[in-house]
């Protein structure tokens, strides 16, 4: 099985895929928001027409961070091991009709955590 390394999520490393955000220092975010557990996100840069296993990056999204994907970034999410997780994502109103492309990898992969 091919393993995809899970990279540390930093603004500098995530630039080809989008932006990383953190909560404001206004004390409105607390440890109890959502479920407080990290989750994994798989992405490939928009410059790759048909992503393959070598193009995929995986990131661990910590509970006090959020990401904004850049236009055209291929992605799959969320990945977590618990049977149920609280999760939210914001999308454009037409995402499921205007931006829905499925890529099938030519070889299977799993995350190396």
PDB file of N, CA and C in Angstrom:
ATOM      1  N   UNK A   1       0.848  -1.171   0.000  1.00  0.00           N
ATOM      2  CA  UNK A   1       0.000   0.000   0.000  1.00  0.00           C
ATOM      3  C   UNK A   1       0.897   1.239   0.000  1.00  0.00           C
ATOM      4  N   UNK A   2       0.597   2.169  -0.851  1.00  0.00           N
ATOM      5  CA  UNK A   2       1.345   3.425  -0.907  1.00  0.00           C
ATOM      6  C   UNK A   2       0.884   4.335   0.216  1.00  0.00           C
ATOM      7  N   UNK A   3       1.846   4.981   0.886  1.00  0.00           N
ATOM      8  CA  UNK A   3       1.519   5.820   2.030  1.00  0.00           C
ATOM      9  C   UNK A   3       1.736   7.291   1.682  1.00  0.00           C
ATOM     10  N   UNK A   4       0.782   8.114   2.067  1.00  0.00           N
ATOM     11  CA  UNK A   4       0.863   9.556   1.877  1.00  0.00           C
ATOM     12  C   UNK A   4       1.253  10.165   3.217  1.00  0.00           C
ATOM     13  N   UNK A   5       2.391  10.820   3.272  1.00  0.00           N
ATOM     14  CA  UNK A   5       2.844  11.439   4.515  1.00  0.00           C
ATOM     15  C   UNK A   5       1.909  12.588   4.884  1.00  0.00           C
ATOM     16  N   UNK A   6       1.660  12.739   6.162  1.00  0.00           N
ATOM     17  CA  UNK A   6       0.828  13.830   6.660  1.00  0.00           C
ATOM     18  C   UNK A   6       1.756  14.976   7.054  1.00  0.00           C
ATOM     19  N   UNK A   7       1.640  16.091   6.336  1.00  0.00           N
ATOM     20  CA  UNK A   7       2.512  17.246   6.560  1.00  0.00           C
ATOM     21  C   UNK A   7       1.956  18.136   7.670  1.00  0.00           C
ATOM     22  N   UNK A   8       2.858  18.862   8.304  1.00  0.00           N
ATOM     23  CA  UNK A   8       2.438  19.843   9.304  1.00  0.00           C
ATOM     24  C   UNK A   8       1.765  21.008   8.585  1.00  0.00           C
ATOM     25  N   UNK A   9       0.620  21.435   9.089  1.00  0.00           N
ATOM     26  CA  UNK A   9      -0.119  22.526   8.467  1.00  0.00           C
ATOM     27  C   UNK A   9       0.470  23.866   8.895  1.00  0.00           C
ATOM     28  N   UNK A  10       1.158  24.511   7.965  1.00  0.00           N
ATOM     29  CA  UNK A  10       1.638  25.871   8.190  1.00  0.00           C
ATOM     30  C   UNK A  10       1.198  26.710   6.999  1.00  0.00           C
ATOM     31  N   UNK A  11       1.093  28.000   7.210  1.00  0.00           N
ATOM     32  CA  UNK A  11       0.694  28.896   6.114  1.00  0.00           C
ATOM     33  C   UNK A  11       1.653  28.800   4.940  1.00  0.00           C
ATOM     34  N   UNK A  12       2.946  28.676   5.227  1.00  0.00           N
ATOM     35  CA  UNK A  12       3.955  28.640   4.169  1.00  0.00           C
ATOM     36  C   UNK A  12       3.855  27.373   3.321  1.00  0.00           C
ATOM     37  N   UNK A  13       3.655  26.234   3.956  1.00  0.00           N
ATOM     38  CA  UNK A  13       3.582  24.964   3.228  1.00  0.00           C
ATOM     39  C   UNK A  13       2.261  24.830   2.480  1.00  0.00           C
ATOM     40  N   UNK A  14       1.194  25.417   3.011  1.00  0.00           N
ATOM     41  CA  UNK A  14      -0.135  25.261   2.419  1.00  0.00           C
ATOM     42  C   UNK A  14      -0.408  26.226   1.259  1.00  0.00           C
ATOM     43  N   UNK A  15       0.496  27.160   0.992  1.00  0.00           N
ATOM     44  CA  UNK A  15       0.287  28.176  -0.047  1.00  0.00           C
ATOM     45  C   UNK A  15      -0.176  27.608  -1.396  1.00  0.00           C
ATOM     46  N   UNK A  16       0.390  26.506  -1.924  1.00  0.00           N
ATOM     47  CA  UNK A  16      -0.075  26.021  -3.226  1.00  0.00           C
ATOM     48  C   UNK A  16      -1.531  25.547  -3.228  1.00  0.00           C
ATOM     49  N   UNK A  17      -2.111  25.364  -2.045  1.00  0.00           N
ATOM     50  CA  UNK A  17      -3.466  24.817  -1.939  1.00  0.00           C
ATOM     51  C   UNK A  17      -4.484  25.829  -1.418  1.00  0.00           C
ATOM     52  N   UNK A  18      -4.018  26.879  -0.762  1.00  0.00           N
ATOM     53  CA  UNK A  18      -4.940  27.865  -0.197  1.00  0.00           C
ATOM     54  C   UNK A  18      -4.345  28.583   0.995  1.00  0.00           C
ATOM     55  N   UNK A  19      -5.216  28.907   1.960  1.00  0.00           N
ATOM     56  CA  UNK A  19      -4.799  29.687   3.123  1.00  0.00           C
ATOM     57  C   UNK A  19      -5.141  28.958   4.416  1.00  0.00           C
ATOM     58  N   UNK A  20      -4.363  29.236   5.460  1.00  0.00           N
ATOM     59  CA  UNK A  20      -4.601  28.702   6.802  1.00  0.00           C
ATOM     60  C   UNK A  20      -5.045  29.860   7.679  1.00  0.00           C
ATOM     61  N   UNK A  21      -6.088  29.630   8.459  1.00  0.00           N
ATOM     62  CA  UNK A  21      -6.573  30.657   9.373  1.00  0.00           C
ATOM     63  C   UNK A  21      -6.595  30.153  10.793  1.00  0.00           C
ATOM     64  N   UNK A  22      -6.554  31.094  11.713  1.00  0.00           N
ATOM     65  CA  UNK A  22      -6.609  30.786  13.135  1.00  0.00           C
ATOM     66  C   UNK A  22      -7.659  31.683  13.776  1.00  0.00           C
ATOM     67  N   UNK A  23      -8.169  31.287  14.929  1.00  0.00           N
ATOM     68  CA  UNK A  23      -9.169  32.129  15.585  1.00  0.00           C
ATOM     69  C   UNK A  23      -8.574  33.468  16.021  1.00  0.00           C
ATOM     70  N   UNK A  24      -9.423  34.457  16.106  1.00  0.00           N
ATOM     71  CA  UNK A  24      -9.006  35.761  16.595  1.00  0.00           C
ATOM     72  C   UNK A  24      -8.732  35.694  18.091  1.00  0.00           C
ATOM     73  N   UNK A  25      -7.901  36.566  18.560  1.00  0.00           N
ATOM     74  CA  UNK A  25      -7.570  36.595  19.983  1.00  0.00           C
ATOM     75  C   UNK A  25      -8.615  37.390  20.766  1.00  0.00           C
ATOM     76  N   UNK A  26      -9.898  37.067  20.541  1.00  0.00           N
ATOM     77  CA  UNK A  26     -10.965  37.793  21.241  1.00  0.00           C
ATOM     78  C   UNK A  26     -11.676  36.919  22.267  1.00  0.00           C
ATOM     79  N   UNK A  27     -11.102  35.756  22.563  1.00  0.00           N
ATOM     80  CA  UNK A  27     -11.631  34.814  23.555  1.00  0.00           C
ATOM     81  C   UNK A  27     -12.991  34.223  23.192  1.00  0.00           C
ATOM     82  N   UNK A  28     -13.415  34.341  21.936  1.00  0.00           N
ATOM     83  CA  UNK A  28     -14.699  33.755  21.549  1.00  0.00           C
ATOM     84  C   UNK A  28     -14.550  32.286  21.161  1.00  0.00           C
ATOM     85  N   UNK A  29     -13.347  31.827  20.891  1.00  0.00           N
ATOM     86  CA  UNK A  29     -13.084  30.427  20.557  1.00  0.00           C
ATOM     87  C   UNK A  29     -12.612  29.719  21.819  1.00  0.00           C
ATOM     88  N   UNK A  30     -13.240  28.593  22.126  1.00  0.00           N
ATOM     89  CA  UNK A  30     -12.841  27.855  23.322  1.00  0.00           C
ATOM     90  C   UNK A  30     -12.556  26.409  22.966  1.00  0.00           C
ATOM     91  N   UNK A  31     -11.967  25.684  23.907  1.00  0.00           N
ATOM     92  CA  UNK A  31     -11.612  24.282  23.686  1.00  0.00           C
ATOM     93  C   UNK A  31     -12.829  23.418  23.401  1.00  0.00           C
ATOM     94  N   UNK A  32     -14.025  23.848  23.793  1.00  0.00           N
ATOM     95  CA  UNK A  32     -15.233  23.064  23.580  1.00  0.00           C
ATOM     96  C   UNK A  32     -15.895  23.279  22.230  1.00  0.00           C
ATOM     97  N   UNK A  33     -15.369  24.175  21.377  1.00  0.00           N
ATOM     98  CA  UNK A  33     -15.971  24.409  20.067  1.00  0.00           C
ATOM     99  C   UNK A  33     -15.860  23.154  19.205  1.00  0.00           C
ATOM    100  N   UNK A  34     -16.911  22.871  18.448  1.00  0.00           N
ATOM    101  CA  UNK A  34     -17.036  21.654  17.632  1.00  0.00           C
ATOM    102  C   UNK A  34     -16.683  20.475  18.518  1.00  0.00           C
ATOM    103  N   UNK A  35     -15.768  19.560  18.114  1.00  0.00           N
ATOM    104  CA  UNK A  35     -15.446  18.446  19.012  1.00  0.00           C
ATOM    105  C   UNK A  35     -13.987  18.452  19.447  1.00  0.00           C
ATOM    106  N   UNK A  36     -13.219  19.444  19.021  1.00  0.00           N
ATOM    107  CA  UNK A  36     -11.864  19.606  19.520  1.00  0.00           C
ATOM    108  C   UNK A  36     -10.865  18.552  19.096  1.00  0.00           C
ATOM    109  N   UNK A  37     -11.116  17.837  18.032  1.00  0.00           N
ATOM    110  CA  UNK A  37     -10.200  16.790  17.571  1.00  0.00           C
ATOM    111  C   UNK A  37      -9.659  17.158  16.188  1.00  0.00           C
ATOM    112  N   UNK A  38      -8.418  16.800  15.905  1.00  0.00           N
ATOM    113  CA  UNK A  38      -7.867  17.055  14.566  1.00  0.00           C
ATOM    114  C   UNK A  38      -8.483  16.126  13.523  1.00  0.00           C
ATOM    115  N   UNK A  39      -8.370  16.506  12.266  1.00  0.00           N
ATOM    116  CA  UNK A  39      -8.845  15.680  11.167  1.00  0.00           C
ATOM    117  C   UNK A  39      -7.882  15.846   9.998  1.00  0.00           C
ATOM    118  N   UNK A  40      -7.957  14.956   9.040  1.00  0.00           N
ATOM    119  CA  UNK A  40      -7.054  14.980   7.894  1.00  0.00           C
ATOM    120  C   UNK A  40      -7.749  15.483   6.645  1.00  0.00           C
ATOM    121  N   UNK A  41      -6.980  16.149   5.815  1.00  0.00           N
ATOM    122  CA  UNK A  41      -7.453  16.682   4.544  1.00  0.00           C
ATOM    123  C   UNK A  41      -6.444  16.315   3.470  1.00  0.00           C
ATOM    124  N   UNK A  42      -6.903  15.785   2.355  1.00  0.00           N
ATOM    125  CA  UNK A  42      -6.041  15.464   1.219  1.00  0.00           C
ATOM    126  C   UNK A  42      -6.279  16.487   0.119  1.00  0.00           C
ATOM    127  N   UNK A  43      -5.202  17.030  -0.443  1.00  0.00           N
ATOM    128  CA  UNK A  43      -5.306  18.060  -1.471  1.00  0.00           C
ATOM    129  C   UNK A  43      -4.273  17.823  -2.570  1.00  0.00           C
ATOM    130  N   UNK A  44      -4.568  18.376  -3.735  1.00  0.00           N
ATOM    131  CA  UNK A  44      -3.610  18.395  -4.847  1.00  0.00           C
ATOM    132  C   UNK A  44      -3.681  19.782  -5.463  1.00  0.00           C
ATOM    133  N   UNK A  45      -2.559  20.311  -5.922  1.00  0.00           N
ATOM    134  CA  UNK A  45      -2.552  21.677  -6.446  1.00  0.00           C
ATOM    135  C   UNK A  45      -3.405  21.835  -7.704  1.00  0.00           C
ATOM    136  N   UNK A  46      -3.951  23.026  -7.861  1.00  0.00           N
ATOM    137  CA  UNK A  46      -4.801  23.328  -9.019  1.00  0.00           C
ATOM    138  C   UNK A  46      -4.042  23.200 -10.334  1.00  0.00           C
ATOM    139  N   UNK A  47      -2.734  23.324 -10.295  1.00  0.00           N
ATOM    140  CA  UNK A  47      -1.936  23.253 -11.518  1.00  0.00           C
ATOM    141  C   UNK A  47      -1.854  21.845 -12.099  1.00  0.00           C
ATOM    142  N   UNK A  48      -2.267  20.841 -11.337  1.00  0.00           N
ATOM    143  CA  UNK A  48      -2.234  19.451 -11.805  1.00  0.00           C
ATOM    144  C   UNK A  48      -3.589  19.118 -12.426  1.00  0.00           C
ATOM    145  N   UNK A  49      -3.597  18.755 -13.699  1.00  0.00           N
ATOM    146  CA  UNK A  49      -4.843  18.506 -14.425  1.00  0.00           C
ATOM    147  C   UNK A  49      -5.562  17.257 -13.913  1.00  0.00           C
ATOM    148  N   UNK A  50      -4.862  16.159 -13.813  1.00  0.00           N
ATOM    149  CA  UNK A  50      -5.447  14.923 -13.284  1.00  0.00           C
ATOM    150  C   UNK A  50      -4.521  14.389 -12.198  1.00  0.00           C
ATOM    151  N   UNK A  51      -4.850  14.653 -10.925  1.00  0.00           N
ATOM    152  CA  UNK A  51      -3.942  14.269  -9.838  1.00  0.00           C
ATOM    153  C   UNK A  51      -3.733  12.767  -9.745  1.00  0.00           C
ATOM    154  N   UNK A  52      -2.508  12.401  -9.433  1.00  0.00           N
ATOM    155  CA  UNK A  52      -2.157  11.024  -9.123  1.00  0.00           C
ATOM    156  C   UNK A  52      -1.651  10.974  -7.696  1.00  0.00           C
ATOM    157  N   UNK A  53      -1.319   9.807  -7.225  1.00  0.00           N
ATOM    158  CA  UNK A  53      -0.882   9.628  -5.842  1.00  0.00           C
ATOM    159  C   UNK A  53       0.311  10.526  -5.496  1.00  0.00           C
ATOM    160  N   UNK A  54       1.231  10.717  -6.421  1.00  0.00           N
ATOM    161  CA  UNK A  54       2.423  11.537  -6.163  1.00  0.00           C
ATOM    162  C   UNK A  54       2.093  13.019  -6.006  1.00  0.00           C
ATOM    163  N   UNK A  55       0.930  13.451  -6.494  1.00  0.00           N
ATOM    164  CA  UNK A  55       0.531  14.861  -6.420  1.00  0.00           C
ATOM    165  C   UNK A  55      -0.213  15.204  -5.134  1.00  0.00           C
ATOM    166  N   UNK A  56      -0.610  14.195  -4.391  1.00  0.00           N
ATOM    167  CA  UNK A  56      -1.468  14.407  -3.229  1.00  0.00           C
ATOM    168  C   UNK A  56      -0.644  14.725  -1.981  1.00  0.00           C
ATOM    169  N   UNK A  57      -1.077  15.755  -1.285  1.00  0.00           N
ATOM    170  CA  UNK A  57      -0.520  16.129   0.009  1.00  0.00           C
ATOM    171  C   UNK A  57      -1.612  15.905   1.039  1.00  0.00           C
ATOM    172  N   UNK A  58      -1.231  15.503   2.231  1.00  0.00           N
ATOM    173  CA  UNK A  58      -2.183  15.354   3.328  1.00  0.00           C
ATOM    174  C   UNK A  58      -1.757  16.272   4.466  1.00  0.00           C
ATOM    175  N   UNK A  59      -2.745  16.862   5.120  1.00  0.00           N
ATOM    176  CA  UNK A  59      -2.485  17.765   6.233  1.00  0.00           C
ATOM    177  C   UNK A  59      -3.376  17.398   7.404  1.00  0.00           C
ATOM    178  N   UNK A  60      -2.839  17.563   8.592  1.00  0.00           N
ATOM    179  CA  UNK A  60      -3.608  17.390   9.813  1.00  0.00           C
ATOM    180  C   UNK A  60      -4.123  18.769  10.211  1.00  0.00           C
ATOM    181  N   UNK A  61      -5.443  18.916  10.235  1.00  0.00           N
ATOM    182  CA  UNK A  61      -6.059  20.194  10.591  1.00  0.00           C
ATOM    183  C   UNK A  61      -6.372  20.158  12.083  1.00  0.00           C
ATOM    184  N   UNK A  62      -5.689  20.986  12.845  1.00  0.00           N
ATOM    185  CA  UNK A  62      -5.912  21.039  14.281  1.00  0.00           C
ATOM    186  C   UNK A  62      -7.227  21.752  14.588  1.00  0.00           C
ATOM    187  N   UNK A  63      -7.831  21.475  15.730  1.00  0.00           N
ATOM    188  CA  UNK A  63      -9.153  22.038  16.023  1.00  0.00           C
ATOM    189  C   UNK A  63      -9.184  23.558  16.151  1.00  0.00           C
ATOM    190  N   UNK A  64      -8.036  24.194  16.331  1.00  0.00           N
ATOM    191  CA  UNK A  64      -8.046  25.658  16.424  1.00  0.00           C
ATOM    192  C   UNK A  64      -7.625  26.324  15.117  1.00  0.00           C
ATOM    193  N   UNK A  65      -7.714  25.587  14.007  1.00  0.00           N
ATOM    194  CA  UNK A  65      -7.357  26.121  12.691  1.00  0.00           C
ATOM    195  C   UNK A  65      -8.483  25.858  11.692  1.00  0.00           C
ATOM    196  N   UNK A  66      -8.450  26.621  10.603  1.00  0.00           N
ATOM    197  CA  UNK A  66      -9.344  26.347   9.485  1.00  0.00           C
ATOM    198  C   UNK A  66      -8.560  26.599   8.211  1.00  0.00           C
ATOM    199  N   UNK A  67      -9.052  26.074   7.111  1.00  0.00           N
ATOM    200  CA  UNK A  67      -8.389  26.276   5.827  1.00  0.00           C
ATOM    201  C   UNK A  67      -9.385  26.823   4.814  1.00  0.00           C
ATOM    202  N   UNK A  68      -8.855  27.580   3.890  1.00  0.00           N
ATOM    203  CA  UNK A  68      -9.621  28.090   2.747  1.00  0.00           C
ATOM    204  C   UNK A  68      -8.886  27.594   1.508  1.00  0.00           C
ATOM    205  N   UNK A  69      -9.550  26.780   0.701  1.00  0.00           N
ATOM    206  CA  UNK A  69      -8.909  26.229  -0.493  1.00  0.00           C
ATOM    207  C   UNK A  69      -8.860  27.267  -1.603  1.00  0.00           C
ATOM    208  N   UNK A  70      -7.765  27.239  -2.357  1.00  0.00           N
ATOM    209  CA  UNK A  70      -7.634  28.106  -3.512  1.00  0.00           C
ATOM    210  C   UNK A  70      -8.463  27.569  -4.672  1.00  0.00           C
ATOM    211  N   UNK A  71      -8.830  28.433  -5.622  1.00  0.00           N
ATOM    212  CA  UNK A  71      -9.613  27.999  -6.785  1.00  0.00           C
ATOM    213  C   UNK A  71      -8.930  26.845  -7.513  1.00  0.00           C
ATOM    214  N   UNK A  72      -9.690  25.818  -7.829  1.00  0.00           N
ATOM    215  CA  UNK A  72      -9.185  24.686  -8.593  1.00  0.00           C
ATOM    216  C   UNK A  72      -8.435  23.640  -7.799  1.00  0.00           C
ATOM    217  N   UNK A  73      -8.259  23.839  -6.496  1.00  0.00           N
ATOM    218  CA  UNK A  73      -7.551  22.851  -5.676  1.00  0.00           C
ATOM    219  C   UNK A  73      -8.382  21.582  -5.571  1.00  0.00           C
ATOM    220  N   UNK A  74      -7.805  20.456  -5.963  1.00  0.00           N
ATOM    221  CA  UNK A  74      -8.497  19.174  -5.808  1.00  0.00           C
ATOM    222  C   UNK A  74      -8.424  18.779  -4.342  1.00  0.00           C
ATOM    223  N   UNK A  75      -9.498  18.183  -3.822  1.00  0.00           N
ATOM    224  CA  UNK A  75      -9.501  17.844  -2.401  1.00  0.00           C
ATOM    225  C   UNK A  75     -10.448  16.702  -2.085  1.00  0.00           C
ATOM    226  N   UNK A  76     -10.173  16.066  -0.984  1.00  0.00           N
ATOM    227  CA  UNK A  76     -11.035  15.014  -0.441  1.00  0.00           C
ATOM    228  C   UNK A  76     -11.014  15.177   1.073  1.00  0.00           C
ATOM    229  N   UNK A  77     -12.174  15.055   1.680  1.00  0.00           N
ATOM    230  CA  UNK A  77     -12.239  15.239   3.130  1.00  0.00           C
ATOM    231  C   UNK A  77     -13.584  14.825   3.669  1.00  0.00           C
ATOM    232  N   UNK A  78     -13.763  14.849   4.936  1.00  0.00           N
ATOM    233  CA  UNK A  78     -12.722  14.819   5.961  1.00  0.00           C
ATOM    234  C   UNK A  78     -12.322  13.387   6.237  1.00  0.00           C
ATOM    235  N   UNK A  79     -11.152  13.201   6.765  1.00  0.00           N
ATOM    236  CA  UNK A  79     -10.697  11.879   7.168  1.00  0.00           C
ATOM    237  C   UNK A  79     -10.499  11.890   8.672  1.00  0.00           C
ATOM    238  N   UNK A  80     -11.132  10.948   9.353  1.00  0.00           N
ATOM    239  CA  UNK A  80     -10.964  10.793  10.794  1.00  0.00           C
ATOM    240  C   UNK A  80     -11.263   9.353  11.146  1.00  0.00           C
ATOM    241  N   UNK A  81     -10.856   8.921  12.320  1.00  0.00           N
ATOM    242  CA  UNK A  81     -10.978   7.515  12.692  1.00  0.00           C
ATOM    243  C   UNK A  81     -12.183   7.204  13.573  1.00  0.00           C
ATOM    244  N   UNK A  82     -12.768   8.214  14.177  1.00  0.00           N
ATOM    245  CA  UNK A  82     -13.927   7.984  15.041  1.00  0.00           C
ATOM    246  C   UNK A  82     -15.157   7.659  14.197  1.00  0.00           C
ATOM    247  N   UNK A  83     -16.147   6.947  14.751  1.00  0.00           N
ATOM    248  CA  UNK A  83     -17.344   6.622  13.973  1.00  0.00           C
ATOM    249  C   UNK A  83     -18.207   7.841  13.661  1.00  0.00           C
ATOM    250  N   UNK A  84     -18.136   8.886  14.501  1.00  0.00           N
ATOM    251  CA  UNK A  84     -18.914  10.108  14.291  1.00  0.00           C
ATOM    252  C   UNK A  84     -18.051  11.304  14.669  1.00  0.00           C
ATOM    253  N   UNK A  85     -18.103  12.344  13.860  1.00  0.00           N
ATOM    254  CA  UNK A  85     -17.397  13.587  14.159  1.00  0.00           C
ATOM    255  C   UNK A  85     -18.290  14.752  13.806  1.00  0.00           C
ATOM    256  N   UNK A  86     -18.181  15.826  14.564  1.00  0.00           N
ATOM    257  CA  UNK A  86     -18.850  17.082  14.214  1.00  0.00           C
ATOM    258  C   UNK A  86     -17.937  17.792  13.233  1.00  0.00           C
ATOM    259  N   UNK A  87     -18.504  18.256  12.130  1.00  0.00           N
ATOM    260  CA  UNK A  87     -17.690  18.820  11.071  1.00  0.00           C
ATOM    261  C   UNK A  87     -18.509  19.848  10.317  1.00  0.00           C
ATOM    262  N   UNK A  88     -17.895  20.908   9.900  1.00  0.00           N
ATOM    263  CA  UNK A  88     -18.595  21.867   9.058  1.00  0.00           C
ATOM    264  C   UNK A  88     -17.660  22.341   7.964  1.00  0.00           C
ATOM    265  N   UNK A  89     -18.261  22.738   6.856  1.00  0.00           N
ATOM    266  CA  UNK A  89     -17.489  23.394   5.815  1.00  0.00           C
ATOM    267  C   UNK A  89     -18.412  24.342   5.079  1.00  0.00           C
ATOM    268  N   UNK A  90     -17.840  25.419   4.640  1.00  0.00           N
ATOM    269  CA  UNK A  90     -18.586  26.430   3.903  1.00  0.00           C
ATOM    270  C   UNK A  90     -18.268  26.267   2.429  1.00  0.00           C
ATOM    271  N   UNK A  91     -19.299  26.268   1.607  1.00  0.00           N
ATOM    272  CA  UNK A  91     -19.108  26.112   0.172  1.00  0.00           C
ATOM    273  C   UNK A  91     -19.925  27.145  -0.576  1.00  0.00           C
ATOM    274  N   UNK A  92     -19.589  27.330  -1.816  1.00  0.00           N
ATOM    275  CA  UNK A  92     -20.377  28.214  -2.676  1.00  0.00           C
ATOM    276  C   UNK A  92     -21.738  27.568  -2.914  1.00  0.00           C
ATOM    277  N   UNK A  93     -22.724  28.348  -3.244  1.00  0.00           N
ATOM    278  CA  UNK A  93     -24.079  27.843  -3.403  1.00  0.00           C
ATOM    279  C   UNK A  93     -24.185  26.803  -4.524  1.00  0.00           C
ATOM    280  N   UNK A  94     -23.310  26.885  -5.537  1.00  0.00           N
ATOM    281  CA  UNK A  94     -23.388  25.957  -6.664  1.00  0.00           C
ATOM    282  C   UNK A  94     -22.267  24.919  -6.682  1.00  0.00           C
ATOM    283  N   UNK A  95     -21.591  24.716  -5.569  1.00  0.00           N
ATOM    284  CA  UNK A  95     -20.444  23.804  -5.529  1.00  0.00           C
ATOM    285  C   UNK A  95     -20.781  22.406  -6.031  1.00  0.00           C
ATOM    286  N   UNK A  96     -21.895  21.848  -5.617  1.00  0.00           N
ATOM    287  CA  UNK A  96     -22.218  20.464  -5.981  1.00  0.00           C
ATOM    288  C   UNK A  96     -22.659  20.291  -7.431  1.00  0.00           C
ATOM    289  N   UNK A  97     -22.892  21.371  -8.140  1.00  0.00           N
ATOM    290  CA  UNK A  97     -23.246  21.253  -9.555  1.00  0.00           C
ATOM    291  C   UNK A  97     -22.172  21.824 -10.475  1.00  0.00           C
ATOM    292  N   UNK A  98     -21.546  22.912 -10.080  1.00  0.00           N
ATOM    293  CA  UNK A  98     -20.570  23.583 -10.949  1.00  0.00           C
ATOM    294  C   UNK A  98     -19.144  23.101 -10.718  1.00  0.00           C
ATOM    295  N   UNK A  99     -18.877  22.514  -9.585  1.00  0.00           N
ATOM    296  CA  UNK A  99     -17.503  22.162  -9.234  1.00  0.00           C
ATOM    297  C   UNK A  99     -17.466  20.764  -8.641  1.00  0.00           C
ATOM    298  N   UNK A 100     -17.837  19.797  -9.427  1.00  0.00           N
ATOM    299  CA  UNK A 100     -17.872  18.423  -8.926  1.00  0.00           C
ATOM    300  C   UNK A 100     -17.170  17.520  -9.923  1.00  0.00           C
ATOM    301  N   UNK A 101     -15.900  17.257  -9.678  1.00  0.00           N
ATOM    302  CA  UNK A 101     -15.104  16.379 -10.529  1.00  0.00           C
ATOM    303  C   UNK A 101     -14.581  15.242  -9.674  1.00  0.00           C
ATOM    304  N   UNK A 102     -14.679  14.039 -10.168  1.00  0.00           N
ATOM    305  CA  UNK A 102     -14.199  12.875  -9.434  1.00  0.00           C
ATOM    306  C   UNK A 102     -12.975  12.331 -10.143  1.00  0.00           C
ATOM    307  N   UNK A 103     -11.892  12.146  -9.391  1.00  0.00           N
ATOM    308  CA  UNK A 103     -10.680  11.534  -9.917  1.00  0.00           C
ATOM    309  C   UNK A 103     -10.490  10.195  -9.239  1.00  0.00           C
ATOM    310  N   UNK A 104     -10.262   9.185  -9.997  1.00  0.00           N
ATOM    311  CA  UNK A 104      -9.964   7.858  -9.457  1.00  0.00           C
ATOM    312  C   UNK A 104      -8.460   7.648  -9.572  1.00  0.00           C
ATOM    313  N   UNK A 105      -7.830   7.342  -8.454  1.00  0.00           N
ATOM    314  CA  UNK A 105      -6.394   7.094  -8.459  1.00  0.00           C
ATOM    315  C   UNK A 105      -6.083   5.777  -9.138  1.00  0.00           C
ATOM    316  N   UNK A 106      -4.962   5.710  -9.828  1.00  0.00           N
ATOM    317  CA  UNK A 106      -4.572   4.465 -10.501  1.00  0.00           C
ATOM    318  C   UNK A 106      -3.928   3.475  -9.548  1.00  0.00           C
ATOM    319  N   UNK A 107      -3.678   3.901  -8.305  1.00  0.00           N
ATOM    320  CA  UNK A 107      -3.133   3.015  -7.289  1.00  0.00           C
ATOM    321  C   UNK A 107      -3.675   3.456  -5.918  1.00  0.00           C
ATOM    322  N   UNK A 108      -3.913   2.524  -5.020  1.00  0.00           N
ATOM    323  CA  UNK A 108      -4.477   2.889  -3.721  1.00  0.00           C
ATOM    324  C   UNK A 108      -3.432   3.562  -2.830  1.00  0.00           C
ATOM    325  N   UNK A 109      -3.923   4.330  -1.884  1.00  0.00           N
ATOM    326  CA  UNK A 109      -3.029   4.986  -0.936  1.00  0.00           C
ATOM    327  C   UNK A 109      -3.662   5.052   0.439  1.00  0.00           C
ATOM    328  N   UNK A 110      -2.839   5.242   1.440  1.00  0.00           N
ATOM    329  CA  UNK A 110      -3.304   5.407   2.812  1.00  0.00           C
ATOM    330  C   UNK A 110      -2.415   6.443   3.470  1.00  0.00           C
ATOM    331  N   UNK A 111      -2.871   7.013   4.570  1.00  0.00           N
ATOM    332  CA  UNK A 111      -2.102   8.033   5.252  1.00  0.00           C
ATOM    333  C   UNK A 111      -1.070   7.410   6.181  1.00  0.00           C
ATOM    334  N   UNK A 112       0.099   8.010   6.189  1.00  0.00           N
ATOM    335  CA  UNK A 112       1.169   7.611   7.107  1.00  0.00           C
ATOM    336  C   UNK A 112       1.171   8.621   8.251  1.00  0.00           C
ATOM    337  N   UNK A 113       0.537   8.251   9.360  1.00  0.00           N
ATOM    338  CA  UNK A 113       0.449   9.203  10.480  1.00  0.00           C
ATOM    339  C   UNK A 113       1.416   8.857  11.578  1.00  0.00           C
TER     340      UNK A 113
END
